[in-house]
Amino acid sequence: MPNQHSPRRARIAFSDSAAKQVEEITDEAELHALDRTLVVISVNPDIGEPIPGDTTGPQLRQYADEVEQVRVLYFVTALRTVVVVAYIEV
């Protein structure tokens, strides 16, 4: 019987502005909250809500983690890479 593997997780990348935000996080709890949120998004990149706007490029999405009180703005590329645009504490 073949093994049932879960779908491959999406790769996470950061825009320059999001990378700068992450570099400035020094609190361990904030890092944990962001990490948990990124895991959720990497498992299911379509979990976030689309943000209305320009449809010529990849659809900008937002995901709010109610438990960790974190909101992430991101888009998904054709190669299933999640590009984080901004990290916002709720």
Protein backbone atom coordinates (compact mmCIF):
# COMPACT_ATOMS: atom_id res chain seq x y z
CA MET A 1 0.00 0.00 0.00
CA PRO A 2 1.51 3.40 -0.96
CA ASN A 3 2.24 5.94 1.75
CA GLN A 4 -0.12 8.88 1.90
CA HIS A 5 1.93 12.06 2.09
CA SER A 6 0.49 15.41 2.92
CA PRO A 7 0.73 18.04 0.18
CA ARG A 8 4.07 19.78 -0.02
CA ARG A 9 4.19 23.01 1.92
CA ALA A 10 4.58 26.26 0.08
CA ARG A 11 7.94 28.01 0.27
CA ILE A 12 7.92 31.28 2.26
CA ALA A 13 9.81 34.35 1.01
CA PHE A 14 9.80 37.92 2.31
CA SER A 15 9.63 41.20 0.44
CA ASP A 16 12.34 43.65 1.50
CA SER A 17 9.93 45.61 3.69
CA ALA A 18 8.62 42.47 5.42
CA ALA A 19 12.16 41.17 5.97
CA LYS A 20 13.03 44.47 7.66
CA GLN A 21 9.98 44.15 9.93
CA VAL A 22 10.98 40.61 10.92
CA GLU A 23 14.59 41.66 11.61
CA GLU A 24 13.31 44.20 14.13
CA ILE A 25 11.38 41.61 16.15
CA THR A 26 13.29 40.80 19.31
CA ASP A 27 10.56 39.37 21.52
CA GLU A 28 10.47 35.56 21.61
CA ALA A 29 6.66 35.50 21.87
CA GLU A 30 6.32 37.66 18.75
CA LEU A 31 8.68 35.38 16.83
CA HIS A 32 6.65 32.35 17.92
CA ALA A 33 3.40 34.02 16.84
CA LEU A 34 4.80 34.88 13.41
CA ASP A 35 6.28 31.40 13.00
CA ARG A 36 2.97 29.72 13.82
CA THR A 37 1.14 31.97 11.37
CA LEU A 38 3.64 31.26 8.59
CA VAL A 39 3.25 27.51 9.13
CA VAL A 40 -0.51 27.82 8.71
CA ILE A 41 -0.08 29.81 5.48
CA SER A 42 2.59 27.45 4.11
CA VAL A 43 0.27 24.46 4.58
CA ASN A 44 -2.67 26.23 2.93
CA PRO A 45 -1.69 29.36 0.96
CA ASP A 46 -5.33 29.96 -0.01
CA ILE A 47 -6.42 30.33 3.63
CA GLY A 48 -6.23 34.11 3.58
CA GLU A 49 -8.91 36.42 2.28
CA PRO A 50 -8.30 38.18 -1.04
CA ILE A 51 -7.78 41.92 -0.77
CA PRO A 52 -9.78 43.77 -3.45
CA GLY A 53 -7.74 45.72 -5.93
CA ASP A 54 -5.64 45.33 -9.04
CA THR A 55 -6.03 41.88 -10.62
CA THR A 56 -3.20 42.17 -13.16
CA GLY A 57 -0.66 40.51 -10.87
CA PRO A 58 -0.83 37.90 -8.14
CA GLN A 59 -3.79 38.35 -5.79
CA LEU A 60 -2.80 40.06 -2.54
CA ARG A 61 -4.26 38.17 0.43
CA GLN A 62 -4.47 38.72 4.18
CA TYR A 63 -4.54 36.13 6.91
CA ALA A 64 -5.37 37.03 10.50
CA ASP A 65 -4.45 34.47 13.14
CA GLU A 66 -6.96 35.02 15.92
CA VAL A 67 -4.99 32.94 18.45
CA GLU A 68 -1.62 34.65 17.94
CA GLN A 69 -3.15 38.04 17.07
CA VAL A 70 -1.03 38.42 13.97
CA ARG A 71 -2.05 39.57 10.49
CA VAL A 72 0.06 38.80 7.44
CA LEU A 73 -0.32 40.32 3.96
CA TYR A 74 1.02 38.08 1.21
CA PHE A 75 0.62 36.79 -2.32
CA VAL A 76 1.24 33.39 -3.86
CA THR A 77 3.34 33.03 -7.00
CA ALA A 78 2.64 30.61 -9.84
CA LEU A 79 5.34 28.33 -8.39
CA ARG A 80 3.49 28.22 -5.04
CA THR A 81 5.87 30.49 -3.19
CA VAL A 82 4.22 32.63 -0.53
CA VAL A 83 5.70 36.13 -0.59
CA VAL A 84 5.07 37.95 2.69
CA VAL A 85 4.55 41.64 2.08
CA ALA A 86 3.83 42.80 5.64
CA TYR A 87 3.51 41.49 9.18
CA ILE A 88 1.08 43.30 11.44
CA GLU A 89 0.33 42.69 15.08
CA VAL A 90 -3.39 42.92 15.75
